[in-house]
N, C-alpha and C. Protein backbone atom coordinates (compact mmCIF):
# COMPACT_ATOMS: atom_id res chain seq x y z
N MET A 1 5.95 6.96 1.43
CA MET A 1 6.15 5.52 1.43
C MET A 1 5.38 4.90 2.60
N ASN A 2 4.95 3.70 2.38
CA ASN A 2 4.27 3.02 3.47
C ASN A 2 5.25 2.14 4.23
N LYS A 3 4.76 1.50 5.26
CA LYS A 3 5.60 0.73 6.18
C LYS A 3 6.33 -0.42 5.48
N LYS A 4 5.64 -1.13 4.60
CA LYS A 4 6.26 -2.26 3.91
C LYS A 4 7.36 -1.81 2.95
N GLN A 5 7.13 -0.73 2.24
CA GLN A 5 8.13 -0.23 1.30
C GLN A 5 9.40 0.22 2.01
N THR A 6 9.26 0.86 3.16
CA THR A 6 10.45 1.29 3.88
C THR A 6 11.21 0.10 4.45
N ARG A 7 10.51 -0.95 4.88
CA ARG A 7 11.17 -2.16 5.35
C ARG A 7 11.95 -2.81 4.22
N ILE A 8 11.35 -2.91 3.05
CA ILE A 8 12.02 -3.52 1.90
C ILE A 8 13.23 -2.69 1.48
N ARG A 9 13.13 -1.37 1.59
CA ARG A 9 14.26 -0.51 1.27
C ARG A 9 15.43 -0.74 2.22
N ARG A 10 15.13 -0.86 3.50
CA ARG A 10 16.17 -1.17 4.49
C ARG A 10 16.81 -2.52 4.19
N ALA A 11 15.97 -3.50 3.84
CA ALA A 11 16.48 -4.84 3.54
C ALA A 11 17.39 -4.83 2.33
N ARG A 12 17.02 -4.09 1.31
CA ARG A 12 17.83 -4.02 0.10
C ARG A 12 19.21 -3.43 0.39
N ARG A 13 19.24 -2.41 1.23
CA ARG A 13 20.50 -1.77 1.60
C ARG A 13 21.41 -2.74 2.36
N THR A 14 20.83 -3.50 3.28
CA THR A 14 21.60 -4.47 4.06
C THR A 14 22.13 -5.59 3.17
N ARG A 15 21.28 -6.09 2.29
CA ARG A 15 21.70 -7.18 1.41
C ARG A 15 22.81 -6.75 0.47
N ALA A 16 22.79 -5.52 0.01
CA ALA A 16 23.85 -5.01 -0.86
C ALA A 16 25.18 -5.01 -0.12
N HIS A 17 25.16 -4.61 1.15
CA HIS A 17 26.39 -4.60 1.95
C HIS A 17 26.90 -6.02 2.18
N ILE A 18 25.99 -6.95 2.49
CA ILE A 18 26.39 -8.33 2.73
C ILE A 18 26.96 -8.94 1.44
N ARG A 19 26.36 -8.60 0.30
CA ARG A 19 26.85 -9.12 -0.98
C ARG A 19 28.25 -8.59 -1.26
N ASP A 20 28.52 -7.32 -0.91
CA ASP A 20 29.84 -6.74 -1.14
C ASP A 20 30.93 -7.45 -0.35
N ILE A 21 30.63 -7.85 0.89
CA ILE A 21 31.65 -8.52 1.69
C ILE A 21 31.73 -10.01 1.38
N GLY A 22 30.75 -10.55 0.64
CA GLY A 22 30.79 -11.94 0.20
C GLY A 22 30.61 -12.94 1.32
N ALA A 23 29.66 -12.69 2.19
CA ALA A 23 29.45 -13.56 3.34
C ALA A 23 28.23 -14.47 3.14
N ILE A 24 28.27 -15.59 3.81
CA ILE A 24 27.09 -16.44 3.90
C ILE A 24 26.12 -15.72 4.83
N ARG A 25 24.83 -15.69 4.47
CA ARG A 25 23.91 -14.91 5.29
C ARG A 25 22.79 -15.76 5.88
N LEU A 26 22.44 -15.39 7.09
CA LEU A 26 21.28 -15.97 7.78
C LEU A 26 20.14 -14.99 7.57
N CYS A 27 19.22 -15.33 6.69
CA CYS A 27 18.13 -14.44 6.31
C CYS A 27 16.85 -14.88 7.00
N ILE A 28 16.13 -13.94 7.58
CA ILE A 28 14.88 -14.28 8.24
C ILE A 28 13.73 -13.56 7.57
N HIS A 29 12.56 -14.12 7.73
CA HIS A 29 11.32 -13.47 7.30
C HIS A 29 10.26 -13.83 8.32
N LYS A 30 9.42 -12.86 8.64
CA LYS A 30 8.38 -13.14 9.61
C LYS A 30 7.03 -12.65 9.11
N THR A 31 6.02 -13.39 9.48
CA THR A 31 4.65 -13.00 9.26
C THR A 31 3.97 -13.05 10.63
N PRO A 32 2.76 -12.57 10.75
CA PRO A 32 2.13 -12.65 12.07
C PRO A 32 1.98 -14.07 12.62
N ARG A 33 1.90 -15.06 11.75
CA ARG A 33 1.73 -16.44 12.21
C ARG A 33 3.00 -17.27 12.25
N HIS A 34 3.96 -16.98 11.40
CA HIS A 34 5.13 -17.85 11.27
C HIS A 34 6.41 -17.03 11.18
N ILE A 35 7.54 -17.73 11.37
CA ILE A 35 8.86 -17.13 11.17
C ILE A 35 9.71 -18.15 10.42
N TYR A 36 10.49 -17.64 9.48
CA TYR A 36 11.29 -18.49 8.60
C TYR A 36 12.75 -18.04 8.69
N ALA A 37 13.68 -18.97 8.60
CA ALA A 37 15.11 -18.64 8.60
C ALA A 37 15.82 -19.52 7.58
N GLN A 38 16.70 -18.89 6.80
CA GLN A 38 17.46 -19.61 5.79
C GLN A 38 18.92 -19.18 5.85
N VAL A 39 19.81 -20.12 5.65
CA VAL A 39 21.22 -19.82 5.49
C VAL A 39 21.50 -19.92 3.99
N ILE A 40 21.90 -18.77 3.40
CA ILE A 40 22.01 -18.66 1.95
C ILE A 40 23.47 -18.45 1.57
N SER A 41 23.89 -19.06 0.46
CA SER A 41 25.27 -18.96 -0.02
C SER A 41 25.60 -17.52 -0.41
N PRO A 42 26.88 -17.17 -0.50
CA PRO A 42 27.28 -15.80 -0.85
C PRO A 42 26.76 -15.35 -2.22
N GLU A 43 26.62 -16.27 -3.14
CA GLU A 43 26.12 -15.92 -4.47
C GLU A 43 24.62 -15.65 -4.44
N GLY A 44 23.93 -16.18 -3.43
CA GLY A 44 22.50 -15.96 -3.29
C GLY A 44 21.63 -16.93 -4.06
N ASN A 45 22.21 -17.99 -4.59
CA ASN A 45 21.43 -18.90 -5.41
C ASN A 45 21.19 -20.27 -4.76
N THR A 46 21.74 -20.50 -3.58
CA THR A 46 21.60 -21.80 -2.93
C THR A 46 21.25 -21.62 -1.46
N VAL A 47 20.24 -22.36 -1.03
CA VAL A 47 19.89 -22.39 0.39
C VAL A 47 20.65 -23.55 1.01
N LEU A 48 21.51 -23.26 1.98
CA LEU A 48 22.35 -24.28 2.58
C LEU A 48 21.68 -24.95 3.78
N ALA A 49 20.83 -24.21 4.49
CA ALA A 49 20.08 -24.75 5.62
C ALA A 49 18.86 -23.87 5.83
N SER A 50 17.80 -24.47 6.33
CA SER A 50 16.60 -23.67 6.58
C SER A 50 15.78 -24.29 7.71
N ALA A 51 14.94 -23.45 8.30
CA ALA A 51 14.01 -23.90 9.33
C ALA A 51 12.88 -22.88 9.40
N SER A 52 11.72 -23.34 9.80
CA SER A 52 10.59 -22.44 9.98
C SER A 52 9.60 -23.07 10.94
N THR A 53 8.61 -22.32 11.33
CA THR A 53 7.59 -22.85 12.23
C THR A 53 6.65 -23.80 11.50
N LEU A 54 6.84 -23.98 10.22
CA LEU A 54 6.05 -24.95 9.45
C LEU A 54 6.68 -26.35 9.49
N ASP A 55 7.96 -26.45 9.89
CA ASP A 55 8.65 -27.74 9.95
C ASP A 55 8.05 -28.61 11.05
N LYS A 56 8.02 -29.90 10.80
CA LYS A 56 7.49 -30.83 11.79
C LYS A 56 8.36 -30.89 13.04
N ASP A 57 9.68 -30.74 12.88
CA ASP A 57 10.60 -30.75 14.02
C ASP A 57 10.32 -29.59 14.97
N VAL A 58 9.97 -28.45 14.41
CA VAL A 58 9.69 -27.27 15.21
C VAL A 58 8.28 -27.32 15.79
N ARG A 59 7.34 -27.78 15.00
CA ARG A 59 5.94 -27.81 15.41
C ARG A 59 5.71 -28.66 16.66
N LYS A 60 6.47 -29.75 16.80
CA LYS A 60 6.27 -30.62 17.96
C LYS A 60 6.75 -29.97 19.25
N ASP A 61 7.66 -28.96 19.14
CA ASP A 61 8.22 -28.32 20.33
C ASP A 61 7.48 -27.06 20.77
N VAL A 62 6.58 -26.54 19.93
CA VAL A 62 5.86 -25.30 20.27
C VAL A 62 4.37 -25.51 20.13
N ASP A 63 3.60 -24.74 20.90
CA ASP A 63 2.16 -24.82 20.74
C ASP A 63 1.63 -23.64 19.93
N LYS A 64 2.26 -22.47 20.02
CA LYS A 64 1.90 -21.32 19.20
C LYS A 64 3.07 -20.98 18.29
N THR A 65 2.78 -20.75 17.01
CA THR A 65 3.86 -20.54 16.05
C THR A 65 4.22 -19.07 15.85
N GLY A 66 3.48 -18.15 16.44
CA GLY A 66 3.71 -16.74 16.18
C GLY A 66 4.44 -16.00 17.26
N GLY A 67 5.01 -16.67 18.25
CA GLY A 67 5.62 -15.97 19.37
C GLY A 67 7.13 -16.10 19.42
N ALA A 68 7.70 -15.48 20.44
CA ALA A 68 9.15 -15.50 20.62
C ALA A 68 9.65 -16.89 20.99
N ALA A 69 8.83 -17.69 21.66
CA ALA A 69 9.23 -19.05 22.01
C ALA A 69 9.42 -19.89 20.74
N ALA A 70 8.55 -19.72 19.78
CA ALA A 70 8.68 -20.44 18.51
C ALA A 70 9.90 -19.95 17.75
N ALA A 71 10.18 -18.65 17.79
CA ALA A 71 11.35 -18.10 17.11
C ALA A 71 12.64 -18.64 17.72
N THR A 72 12.64 -18.85 19.03
CA THR A 72 13.81 -19.42 19.69
C THR A 72 14.07 -20.83 19.20
N VAL A 73 13.03 -21.63 19.06
CA VAL A 73 13.18 -23.00 18.56
C VAL A 73 13.67 -22.99 17.12
N VAL A 74 13.14 -22.09 16.29
CA VAL A 74 13.58 -21.99 14.90
C VAL A 74 15.06 -21.60 14.84
N GLY A 75 15.50 -20.69 15.70
CA GLY A 75 16.90 -20.29 15.74
C GLY A 75 17.82 -21.44 16.09
N LYS A 76 17.40 -22.25 17.06
CA LYS A 76 18.21 -23.41 17.44
C LYS A 76 18.29 -24.42 16.31
N VAL A 77 17.16 -24.69 15.67
CA VAL A 77 17.13 -25.70 14.60
C VAL A 77 17.95 -25.25 13.41
N VAL A 78 17.82 -23.99 12.99
CA VAL A 78 18.58 -23.53 11.83
C VAL A 78 20.08 -23.51 12.15
N ALA A 79 20.46 -23.20 13.37
CA ALA A 79 21.88 -23.21 13.75
C ALA A 79 22.44 -24.63 13.73
N GLU A 80 21.68 -25.58 14.22
CA GLU A 80 22.13 -26.98 14.19
C GLU A 80 22.27 -27.48 12.76
N ARG A 81 21.32 -27.13 11.91
CA ARG A 81 21.39 -27.56 10.51
C ARG A 81 22.55 -26.89 9.78
N ALA A 82 22.84 -25.64 10.11
CA ALA A 82 23.97 -24.95 9.49
C ALA A 82 25.29 -25.56 9.94
N ARG A 83 25.39 -25.88 11.22
CA ARG A 83 26.62 -26.51 11.72
C ARG A 83 26.81 -27.88 11.09
N THR A 84 25.73 -28.61 10.87
CA THR A 84 25.81 -29.90 10.19
C THR A 84 26.34 -29.72 8.77
N ALA A 85 25.99 -28.62 8.13
CA ALA A 85 26.47 -28.32 6.78
C ALA A 85 27.88 -27.74 6.78
N GLY A 86 28.46 -27.53 7.97
CA GLY A 86 29.83 -27.03 8.07
C GLY A 86 29.94 -25.52 8.12
N ILE A 87 28.88 -24.85 8.48
CA ILE A 87 28.87 -23.39 8.51
C ILE A 87 28.86 -22.92 9.96
N THR A 88 29.79 -22.04 10.31
CA THR A 88 29.82 -21.50 11.67
C THR A 88 29.73 -19.99 11.69
N ARG A 89 30.13 -19.32 10.59
CA ARG A 89 30.13 -17.86 10.55
C ARG A 89 29.17 -17.37 9.46
N VAL A 90 28.25 -16.50 9.85
CA VAL A 90 27.26 -15.96 8.91
C VAL A 90 27.11 -14.46 9.14
N ALA A 91 26.46 -13.80 8.20
CA ALA A 91 26.04 -12.41 8.37
C ALA A 91 24.54 -12.44 8.60
N PHE A 92 24.06 -11.70 9.58
CA PHE A 92 22.65 -11.72 9.95
C PHE A 92 21.87 -10.72 9.11
N ASP A 93 20.96 -11.22 8.30
CA ASP A 93 20.10 -10.39 7.46
C ASP A 93 18.71 -10.42 8.05
N ARG A 94 18.33 -9.34 8.71
CA ARG A 94 17.04 -9.32 9.39
C ARG A 94 15.92 -8.85 8.48
N SER A 95 16.18 -8.67 7.20
CA SER A 95 15.19 -8.31 6.18
C SER A 95 14.47 -7.01 6.48
N GLY A 96 15.15 -6.08 7.09
CA GLY A 96 14.56 -4.78 7.38
C GLY A 96 13.70 -4.72 8.62
N PHE A 97 13.50 -5.86 9.29
CA PHE A 97 12.71 -5.87 10.52
C PHE A 97 13.55 -5.34 11.68
N LYS A 98 12.90 -4.71 12.65
CA LYS A 98 13.61 -4.20 13.81
C LYS A 98 14.15 -5.36 14.64
N TYR A 99 15.29 -5.11 15.28
CA TYR A 99 15.95 -6.15 16.07
C TYR A 99 15.36 -6.15 17.48
N HIS A 100 14.18 -6.73 17.62
CA HIS A 100 13.57 -6.93 18.93
C HIS A 100 12.50 -8.00 18.78
N GLY A 101 12.02 -8.49 19.87
CA GLY A 101 10.96 -9.49 19.83
C GLY A 101 11.41 -10.80 19.22
N ARG A 102 10.65 -11.24 18.23
CA ARG A 102 10.93 -12.54 17.61
C ARG A 102 12.25 -12.58 16.87
N VAL A 103 12.62 -11.48 16.22
CA VAL A 103 13.89 -11.42 15.49
C VAL A 103 15.06 -11.57 16.46
N LYS A 104 14.99 -10.86 17.57
CA LYS A 104 16.04 -10.94 18.58
C LYS A 104 16.10 -12.33 19.20
N ALA A 105 14.95 -12.94 19.47
CA ALA A 105 14.90 -14.28 20.06
C ALA A 105 15.55 -15.30 19.13
N LEU A 106 15.26 -15.21 17.83
CA LEU A 106 15.85 -16.14 16.86
C LEU A 106 17.36 -15.94 16.80
N ALA A 107 17.82 -14.69 16.76
CA ALA A 107 19.25 -14.42 16.65
C ALA A 107 20.01 -14.91 17.88
N GLU A 108 19.48 -14.66 19.06
CA GLU A 108 20.16 -15.09 20.28
C GLU A 108 20.20 -16.61 20.39
N ALA A 109 19.15 -17.28 19.97
CA ALA A 109 19.14 -18.75 20.01
C ALA A 109 20.15 -19.32 19.03
N ALA A 110 20.28 -18.71 17.86
CA ALA A 110 21.25 -19.17 16.87
C ALA A 110 22.67 -18.97 17.39
N ARG A 111 22.91 -17.85 18.06
CA ARG A 111 24.24 -17.60 18.65
C ARG A 111 24.57 -18.62 19.74
N GLU A 112 23.59 -18.93 20.57
CA GLU A 112 23.82 -19.90 21.64
C GLU A 112 24.15 -21.28 21.10
N CYS A 113 23.63 -21.61 19.93
CA CYS A 113 23.87 -22.93 19.34
C CYS A 113 25.09 -22.97 18.44
N GLY A 114 25.89 -21.91 18.41
CA GLY A 114 27.17 -22.00 17.73
C GLY A 114 27.36 -21.16 16.50
N LEU A 115 26.36 -20.44 16.01
CA LEU A 115 26.58 -19.57 14.86
C LEU A 115 27.21 -18.27 15.33
N GLU A 116 28.16 -17.77 14.57
CA GLU A 116 28.83 -16.52 14.91
C GLU A 116 28.39 -15.42 13.94
N PHE A 117 27.90 -14.34 14.50
CA PHE A 117 27.57 -13.14 13.71
C PHE A 117 27.44 -11.96 14.63
């Protein structure tokens, strides 16, 4: 298996567990240039809140979109939007990515802004 297939396999395993417990999930995806975060309903068919480095609100606060500083801003924005929607507790779905760097920066910023996971 190659690197992408093993990441997707890890993500599938995590999502199956989150689906079993029936939790709202904070799902992230990253590319070398951007990072995306979505708060998804337990059924998996509705996005309740989202933020990414493509948003105008985020773009004005960062100069580079591919770093940990941008991920921190995305984490804060998605947490604020989730709290506005009435969501405080989520399950963190890191999509098979390792918990360091940009993924860790986004998660810690979301926790600081009031999301519990």
